[in-house]
C-alpha atoms as a PDB file:
ATOM      1  CA  MET A   1      18.798   8.939  18.447  1.00  0.00           C
ATOM      2  CA  SER A   2      18.242   8.432  14.711  1.00  0.00           C
ATOM      3  CA  ASN A   3      15.813   6.067  12.994  1.00  0.00           C
ATOM      4  CA  LEU A   4      18.608   4.254  11.167  1.00  0.00           C
ATOM      5  CA  ALA A   5      17.521   0.844  12.489  1.00  0.00           C
ATOM      6  CA  LEU A   6      14.047   1.283  10.960  1.00  0.00           C
ATOM      7  CA  ILE A   7      15.348   1.398   7.378  1.00  0.00           C
ATOM      8  CA  GLN A   8      14.657  -1.745   5.365  1.00  0.00           C
ATOM      9  CA  PRO A   9      16.805  -2.328   2.240  1.00  0.00           C
ATOM     10  CA  ARG A  10      14.715  -2.107  -0.929  1.00  0.00           C
ATOM     11  CA  ARG A  11      15.550  -2.704  -4.566  1.00  0.00           C
ATOM     12  CA  GLN A  12      15.358   0.310  -6.900  1.00  0.00           C
ATOM     13  CA  ASP A  13      16.625   0.287 -10.491  1.00  0.00           C
ATOM     14  CA  PHE A  14      17.286   3.474 -12.485  1.00  0.00           C
ATOM     15  CA  LEU A  15      17.442   4.492 -16.133  1.00  0.00           C
ATOM     16  CA  THR A  16      19.733   7.498 -16.751  1.00  0.00           C
ATOM     17  CA  CYS A  17      21.535   9.154 -19.645  1.00  0.00           C
ATOM     18  CA  GLN A  18      24.503  11.399 -20.409  1.00  0.00           C
ATOM     19  CA  VAL A  19      22.604  14.367 -21.863  1.00  0.00           C
ATOM     20  CA  THR A  20      20.176  15.218 -19.034  1.00  0.00           C
ATOM     21  CA  ASP A  21      20.197  15.923 -15.310  1.00  0.00           C
ATOM     22  CA  TRP A  22      19.320  12.960 -13.126  1.00  0.00           C
ATOM     23  CA  LEU A  23      16.148  14.010 -11.316  1.00  0.00           C
ATOM     24  CA  ASP A  24      14.496  10.954  -9.814  1.00  0.00           C
ATOM     25  CA  GLY A  25      12.323  10.330  -6.783  1.00  0.00           C
ATOM     26  CA  LEU A  26      12.707   7.184  -4.691  1.00  0.00           C
ATOM     27  CA  PRO A  27      10.062   5.177  -2.819  1.00  0.00           C
ATOM     28  CA  VAL A  28       9.220   6.475   0.629  1.00  0.00           C
ATOM     29  CA  ILE A  29      11.441   5.080   3.385  1.00  0.00           C
ATOM     30  CA  ALA A  30       8.834   3.680   5.732  1.00  0.00           C
ATOM     31  CA  THR A  31       7.854   1.105   8.299  1.00  0.00           C
ATOM     32  CA  PRO A  32       4.648  -0.945   8.031  1.00  0.00           C
ATOM     33  CA  GLY A  33       1.644   0.298   9.973  1.00  0.00           C
ATOM     34  CA  PRO A  34      -1.884  -1.066  10.493  1.00  0.00           C
ATOM     35  CA  GLY A  35      -3.965  -0.249   7.442  1.00  0.00           C
ATOM     36  CA  GLY A  36      -7.221  -1.715   8.699  1.00  0.00           C
ATOM     37  CA  ALA A  37      -9.539  -4.630   8.022  1.00  0.00           C
ATOM     38  CA  ILE A  38     -12.674  -5.362   6.015  1.00  0.00           C
ATOM     39  CA  ALA A  39     -15.190  -8.192   6.055  1.00  0.00           C
ATOM     40  CA  GLY A  40     -15.965 -10.284   2.995  1.00  0.00           C
ATOM     41  CA  SER A  41     -19.190  -9.295   1.231  1.00  0.00           C
ATOM     42  CA  ASP A  42     -20.503 -12.878   1.261  1.00  0.00           C
ATOM     43  CA  ASN A  43     -19.999 -13.447   4.985  1.00  0.00           C
ATOM     44  CA  VAL A  44     -22.785 -15.122   6.951  1.00  0.00           C
ATOM     45  CA  GLY A  45     -21.736 -13.991  10.417  1.00  0.00           C
ATOM     46  CA  GLN A  46     -20.707 -10.699  11.942  1.00  0.00           C
ATOM     47  CA  GLY A  47     -17.183 -10.126  13.182  1.00  0.00           C
ATOM     48  CA  SER A  48     -14.677  -7.360  13.801  1.00  0.00           C
ATOM     49  CA  ILE A  49     -10.889  -7.313  13.652  1.00  0.00           C
ATOM     50  CA  ALA A  50      -8.631  -5.240  15.912  1.00  0.00           C
ATOM     51  CA  ILE A  51      -4.983  -4.946  14.828  1.00  0.00           C
ATOM     52  CA  ALA A  52      -2.830  -4.717  17.944  1.00  0.00           C
ATOM     53  CA  ALA A  53       0.677  -4.475  16.461  1.00  0.00           C
ATOM     54  CA  VAL A  54       2.666  -4.601  13.239  1.00  0.00           C
ATOM     55  CA  ASP A  55       6.318  -5.682  13.289  1.00  0.00           C
ATOM     56  CA  ALA A  56       8.905  -3.426  11.664  1.00  0.00           C
ATOM     57  CA  GLY A  57       9.865  -6.337   9.403  1.00  0.00           C
ATOM     58  CA  ALA A  58       6.363  -6.965   8.039  1.00  0.00           C
ATOM     59  CA  ASP A  59       5.550  -6.242   4.403  1.00  0.00           C
ATOM     60  CA  LEU A  60       5.300  -2.491   3.818  1.00  0.00           C
ATOM     61  CA  VAL A  61       2.198  -2.956   1.699  1.00  0.00           C
ATOM     62  CA  GLY A  62       0.501  -6.288   2.242  1.00  0.00           C
ATOM     63  CA  VAL A  63      -2.928  -7.894   2.403  1.00  0.00           C
ATOM     64  CA  GLN A  64      -3.668 -11.134   4.253  1.00  0.00           C
ATOM     65  CA  ILE A  65      -6.925 -13.087   4.213  1.00  0.00           C
ATOM     66  CA  VAL A  66      -8.418 -14.406   7.455  1.00  0.00           C
ATOM     67  CA  THR A  67     -10.779 -17.349   6.917  1.00  0.00           C
ATOM     68  CA  VAL A  68     -12.990 -19.181   9.404  1.00  0.00           C
ATOM     69  CA  THR A  69     -12.040 -22.833   8.877  1.00  0.00           C
ATOM     70  CA  ALA A  70     -13.929 -24.848  11.508  1.00  0.00           C
ATOM     71  CA  ILE A  71     -16.254 -24.652  14.510  1.00  0.00           C
ATOM     72  CA  SER A  72     -15.769 -27.336  17.139  1.00  0.00           C
ATOM     73  CA  ALA A  73     -16.242 -27.745  20.903  1.00  0.00           C
ATOM     74  CA  GLY A  74     -17.353 -24.148  21.239  1.00  0.00           C
ATOM     75  CA  LEU A  75     -14.306 -22.725  19.483  1.00  0.00           C
ATOM     76  CA  THR A  76     -14.201 -21.016  16.102  1.00  0.00           C
ATOM     77  CA  TYR A  77     -10.944 -21.723  14.274  1.00  0.00           C
ATOM     78  CA  LEU A  78      -9.330 -19.546  11.666  1.00  0.00           C
ATOM     79  CA  ALA A  79      -6.382 -19.537   9.268  1.00  0.00           C
ATOM     80  CA  VAL A  80      -4.506 -16.647   7.641  1.00  0.00           C
ATOM     81  CA  THR A  81      -3.034 -16.723   4.134  1.00  0.00           C
ATOM     82  CA  ASP A  82      -0.931 -14.252   2.160  1.00  0.00           C
ATOM     83  CA  ALA A  83      -1.296 -13.177  -1.471  1.00  0.00           C
ATOM     84  CA  THR A  84       0.343 -16.407  -2.662  1.00  0.00           C
ATOM     85  CA  GLY A  85      -2.029 -18.600  -0.658  1.00  0.00           C
ATOM     86  CA  ALA A  86       0.627 -19.636   1.860  1.00  0.00           C
ATOM     87  CA  VAL A  87      -0.603 -20.037   5.443  1.00  0.00           C
ATOM     88  CA  THR A  88       0.931 -17.342   7.651  1.00  0.00           C
ATOM     89  CA  GLY A  89      -0.967 -17.928  10.879  1.00  0.00           C
ATOM     90  CA  GLN A  90      -3.640 -19.953  12.675  1.00  0.00           C
ATOM     91  CA  GLY A  91      -5.742 -19.399  15.761  1.00  0.00           C
ATOM     92  CA  VAL A  92      -9.212 -19.065  17.225  1.00  0.00           C
ATOM     93  CA  VAL A  93     -11.743 -16.257  17.354  1.00  0.00           C
ATOM     94  CA  GLY A  94     -11.447 -14.085  20.450  1.00  0.00           C
ATOM     95  CA  LEU A  95      -7.706 -14.607  21.004  1.00  0.00           C
ATOM     96  CA  PRO A  96      -4.684 -12.779  19.519  1.00  0.00           C
ATOM     97  CA  VAL A  97      -3.244 -14.278  16.336  1.00  0.00           C
ATOM     98  CA  TYR A  98       0.194 -13.577  14.891  1.00  0.00           C
ATOM     99  CA  ALA A  99       0.532 -13.773  11.100  1.00  0.00           C
ATOM    100  CA  ALA A 100       3.527 -12.566   9.059  1.00  0.00           C
ATOM    101  CA  GLY A 101       4.357  -9.716  11.399  1.00  0.00           C
ATOM    102  CA  VAL A 102       0.767  -8.659  12.176  1.00  0.00           C
ATOM    103  CA  THR A 103      -0.899  -9.324  15.543  1.00  0.00           C
ATOM    104  CA  PHE A 104      -4.687  -9.103  15.509  1.00  0.00           C
ATOM    105  CA  THR A 105      -7.837 -10.423  17.189  1.00  0.00           C
ATOM    106  CA  LEU A 106     -10.990 -11.447  15.336  1.00  0.00           C
ATOM    107  CA  SER A 107     -14.048 -11.154  17.582  1.00  0.00           C
ATOM    108  CA  GLU A 108     -17.700 -11.906  17.045  1.00  0.00           C
ATOM    109  CA  VAL A 109     -20.165  -9.035  17.390  1.00  0.00           C
ATOM    110  CA  PRO A 110     -22.398  -9.542  20.461  1.00  0.00           C
ATOM    111  CA  GLY A 111     -26.070  -9.976  19.575  1.00  0.00           C
ATOM    112  CA  GLN A 112     -25.311 -10.517  15.881  1.00  0.00           C
ATOM    113  CA  THR A 113     -25.161 -13.654  13.727  1.00  0.00           C
ATOM    114  CA  ALA A 114     -22.287 -15.930  14.704  1.00  0.00           C
ATOM    115  CA  LEU A 115     -19.399 -16.421  12.336  1.00  0.00           C
ATOM    116  CA  ALA A 116     -19.671 -19.358   9.957  1.00  0.00           C
ATOM    117  CA  VAL A 117     -17.139 -21.586   8.207  1.00  0.00           C
ATOM    118  CA  GLY A 118     -15.993 -19.820   5.050  1.00  0.00           C
ATOM    119  CA  ASP A 119     -16.430 -16.263   6.378  1.00  0.00           C
ATOM    120  CA  THR A 120     -13.445 -14.131   5.382  1.00  0.00           C
ATOM    121  CA  PHE A 121     -11.759 -10.875   6.366  1.00  0.00           C
ATOM    122  CA  ALA A 122      -8.901  -8.943   4.780  1.00  0.00           C
ATOM    123  CA  ILE A 123      -6.243  -7.223   6.900  1.00  0.00           C
ATOM    124  CA  ALA A 124      -3.757  -4.775   5.417  1.00  0.00           C
ATOM    125  CA  THR A 125      -0.577  -2.892   6.256  1.00  0.00           C
ATOM    126  CA  ILE A 126       0.426   0.473   4.821  1.00  0.00           C
ATOM    127  CA  PRO A 127       3.724   2.412   4.785  1.00  0.00           C
ATOM    128  CA  VAL A 128       4.294   4.926   7.588  1.00  0.00           C
ATOM    129  CA  PRO A 129       7.113   7.376   6.660  1.00  0.00           C
ATOM    130  CA  VAL A 130      10.303   7.210   8.719  1.00  0.00           C
ATOM    131  CA  ASP A 131      11.842  10.505   9.838  1.00  0.00           C
ATOM    132  CA  ILE A 132      15.268  10.455   8.166  1.00  0.00           C
ATOM    133  CA  SER A 133      16.282  13.940   9.289  1.00  0.00           C
ATOM    134  CA  GLY A 134      19.983  14.135  10.124  1.00  0.00           C
ATOM    135  CA  LEU A 135      20.948  10.984   8.240  1.00  0.00           C
ATOM    136  CA  VAL A 136      23.457  11.243   5.393  1.00  0.00           C
ATOM    137  CA  PHE A 137      22.709   9.336   2.202  1.00  0.00           C
ATOM    138  CA  THR A 138      25.375   8.419  -0.313  1.00  0.00           C
ATOM    139  CA  LEU A 139      25.176   6.596  -3.629  1.00  0.00           C
ATOM    140  CA  ASP A 140      28.066   4.458  -4.821  1.00  0.00           C
ATOM    141  CA  SER A 141      27.805   2.949  -8.278  1.00  0.00           C
ATOM    142  CA  ARG A 142      30.599   0.665  -9.431  1.00  0.00           C
ATOM    143  CA  MET A 143      31.670  -0.059 -12.986  1.00  0.00           C
ATOM    144  CA  VAL A 144      30.993  -3.750 -12.323  1.00  0.00           C
ATOM    145  CA  LYS A 145      30.193  -5.775  -9.219  1.00  0.00           C
ATOM    146  CA  GLY A 146      33.240  -5.956  -6.946  1.00  0.00           C
ATOM    147  CA  SER A 147      35.091  -3.199  -8.818  1.00  0.00           C
ATOM    148  CA  THR A 148      37.095  -0.544  -6.984  1.00  0.00           C
ATOM    149  CA  SER A 149      36.291   1.985  -9.758  1.00  0.00           C
ATOM    150  CA  PHE A 150      33.262   4.227  -9.357  1.00  0.00           C
ATOM    151  CA  ALA A 151      30.893   4.916 -12.249  1.00  0.00           C
ATOM    152  CA  LEU A 152      28.947   7.546 -10.283  1.00  0.00           C
ATOM    153  CA  GLN A 153      28.761   8.979  -6.763  1.00  0.00           C
ATOM    154  CA  ALA A 154      26.208  11.226  -5.081  1.00  0.00           C
ATOM    155  CA  SER A 155      25.565  12.481  -1.541  1.00  0.00           C
ATOM    156  CA  SER A 156      23.046  14.392   0.538  1.00  0.00           C
ATOM    157  CA  SER A 157      25.942  15.987   2.435  1.00  0.00           C
ATOM    158  CA  PRO A 158      29.138  16.240   0.379  1.00  0.00           C
ATOM    159  CA  GLY A 159      32.209  16.725   2.503  1.00  0.00           C
ATOM    160  CA  ASP A 160      33.801  19.155   0.037  1.00  0.00           C
ATOM    161  CA  GLY A 161      31.111  21.816   0.452  1.00  0.00           C
ATOM    162  CA  SER A 162      29.594  21.297  -3.003  1.00  0.00           C
ATOM    163  CA  ALA A 163      25.836  21.136  -3.598  1.00  0.00           C
ATOM    164  CA  ALA A 164      23.975  18.057  -2.420  1.00  0.00           C
ATOM    165  CA  THR A 165      23.141  15.610  -5.196  1.00  0.00           C
ATOM    166  CA  ILE A 166      20.660  13.633  -3.089  1.00  0.00           C
ATOM    167  CA  ALA A 167      17.759  15.542  -1.530  1.00  0.00           C
ATOM    168  CA  ASN A 168      16.750  14.364   1.962  1.00  0.00           C
ATOM    169  CA  GLY A 169      13.029  14.855   2.634  1.00  0.00           C
ATOM    170  CA  GLY A 170      13.381  14.555   6.429  1.00  0.00           C
ATOM    171  CA  VAL A 171      10.127  13.745   8.241  1.00  0.00           C
ATOM    172  CA  ASN A 172       8.478  12.701   4.953  1.00  0.00           C
ATOM    173  CA  GLY A 173      10.907   9.798   4.542  1.00  0.00           C
ATOM    174  CA  THR A 174      11.639  10.747   0.949  1.00  0.00           C
ATOM    175  CA  LEU A 175      14.819  10.884  -1.106  1.00  0.00           C
ATOM    176  CA  ALA A 176      15.391  12.292  -4.592  1.00  0.00           C
ATOM    177  CA  MET A 177      18.345  12.220  -6.950  1.00  0.00           C
ATOM    178  CA  ARG A 178      19.358  15.615  -8.338  1.00  0.00           C
ATOM    179  CA  VAL A 179      22.658  14.939 -10.073  1.00  0.00           C
ATOM    180  CA  PRO A 180      23.538  17.630 -12.695  1.00  0.00           C
ATOM    181  CA  GLN A 181      24.095  16.734 -16.330  1.00  0.00           C
ATOM    182  CA  VAL A 182      27.796  17.566 -16.159  1.00  0.00           C
ATOM    183  CA  ALA A 183      28.290  14.661 -13.736  1.00  0.00           C
ATOM    184  CA  MET A 184      26.117  12.344 -15.822  1.00  0.00           C
ATOM    185  CA  ALA A 185      28.163  13.181 -18.918  1.00  0.00           C
ATOM    186  CA  ARG A 186      31.305  11.946 -17.188  1.00  0.00           C
ATOM    187  CA  CYS A 187      29.711   8.584 -16.426  1.00  0.00           C
ATOM    188  CA  PRO A 188      30.485   6.230 -19.345  1.00  0.00           C
ATOM    189  CA  PRO A 189      27.461   4.532 -20.908  1.00  0.00           C
ATOM    190  CA  SER A 190      27.464   0.754 -20.877  1.00  0.00           C
ATOM    191  CA  GLN A 191      25.410  -2.122 -22.217  1.00  0.00           C
ATOM    192  CA  THR A 192      25.778  -3.721 -18.798  1.00  0.00           C
ATOM    193  CA  PRO A 193      23.932  -1.925 -15.946  1.00  0.00           C
ATOM    194  CA  TYR A 194      26.033  -0.569 -13.077  1.00  0.00           C
ATOM    195  CA  PRO A 195      25.375  -2.029  -9.606  1.00  0.00           C
ATOM    196  CA  HIS A 196      24.579   0.633  -7.002  1.00  0.00           C
ATOM    197  CA  ASN A 197      23.930   1.040  -3.293  1.00  0.00           C
ATOM    198  CA  ILE A 198      22.392   4.020  -1.526  1.00  0.00           C
ATOM    199  CA  LEU A 199      23.713   3.960   2.029  1.00  0.00           C
ATOM    200  CA  ALA A 200      22.292   5.758   5.072  1.00  0.00           C
ATOM    201  CA  THR A 201      24.770   6.893   7.725  1.00  0.00           C
ATOM    202  CA  ASP A 202      24.161   8.276  11.209  1.00  0.00           C
ATOM    203  CA  PRO A 203      26.890  10.941  11.608  1.00  0.00           C
ATOM    204  CA  ALA A 204      26.656  10.743  15.402  1.00  0.00           C
ATOM    205  CA  THR A 205      27.611   7.063  15.578  1.00  0.00           C
ATOM    206  CA  GLY A 206      29.115   6.313  12.178  1.00  0.00           C
ATOM    207  CA  GLN A 207      26.710   3.393  11.797  1.00  0.00           C
ATOM    208  CA  ARG A 208      25.640   2.686   8.229  1.00  0.00           C
ATOM    209  CA  VAL A 209      22.926   0.591   6.553  1.00  0.00           C
ATOM    210  CA  THR A 210      21.740   0.014   2.997  1.00  0.00           C
ATOM    211  CA  ALA A 211      18.579   1.929   2.106  1.00  0.00           C
ATOM    212  CA  PHE A 212      18.367   1.039  -1.599  1.00  0.00           C
ATOM    213  CA  TYR A 213      20.260  -1.194  -3.987  1.00  0.00           C
ATOM    214  CA  GLY A 214      19.913  -2.214  -7.624  1.00  0.00           C
ATOM    215  CA  LEU A 215      21.147  -1.396 -11.110  1.00  0.00           C
ATOM    216  CA  ILE A 216      21.667   1.807 -13.099  1.00  0.00           C
ATOM    217  CA  THR A 217      21.270   1.541 -16.869  1.00  0.00           C
ATOM    218  CA  HIS A 218      23.168   4.553 -18.245  1.00  0.00           C
ATOM    219  CA  GLN A 219      22.690   5.521 -21.894  1.00  0.00           C
ATOM    220  CA  VAL A 220      23.999   8.148 -24.310  1.00  0.00           C
ATOM    221  CA  VAL A 221      20.411   9.204 -25.096  1.00  0.00           C
ATOM    222  CA  LEU A 222      17.527   8.145 -22.926  1.00  0.00           C
ATOM    223  CA  GLN A 223      15.398   5.417 -24.493  1.00  0.00           C
ATOM    224  CA  PRO A 224      12.581   3.407 -22.928  1.00  0.00           C
ATOM    225  CA  GLN A 225      13.392  -0.097 -21.745  1.00  0.00           C
ATOM    226  CA  ASP A 226      11.458  -3.109 -22.988  1.00  0.00           C
END
């Protein structure tokens, strides 16, 4: 069984030109994994965080702040916020808490100073590469959104026996464009970027999902964008 269901669509824009090969790496196709936790340097009490699980839909790279908010009736309450300050979870010390796809438990350290209101901890997720071996990746770029005319196509497994123009990194979860200049020269430059999708297909089932989407700005001669 393939890992097709683990692929999360991500935006990726490109800048290309007619006079060079298109050699471009893409972000690693990954699922979020537990990156760890760290206590705030100004904390009064001692605590430790154990991350039990990270949902596949959680942020690939994310940091959340766990803050002790109150102590009442023998319970120590906490709240979790994301990078924008939005509350993503609430709970008490010693019990599992779910916050934006991450399940964790904050516990006090026996024999050490008890946690105090205002103590903070940071929890993080990091990308874990998805094995994309066996999946076929194809790029379709249209002249304009909704058009039936292609500006550019590429594939990791062309059906006509020609060389692959998308490199599949397999267990590393990586993709790279390697479209030769002759193909780029045929793609007409435009002041309006071309919409594109890079689709992943499982040949065994025919199921297909979007891995990347975005815009391709194609120029006669490559120039930096503002």
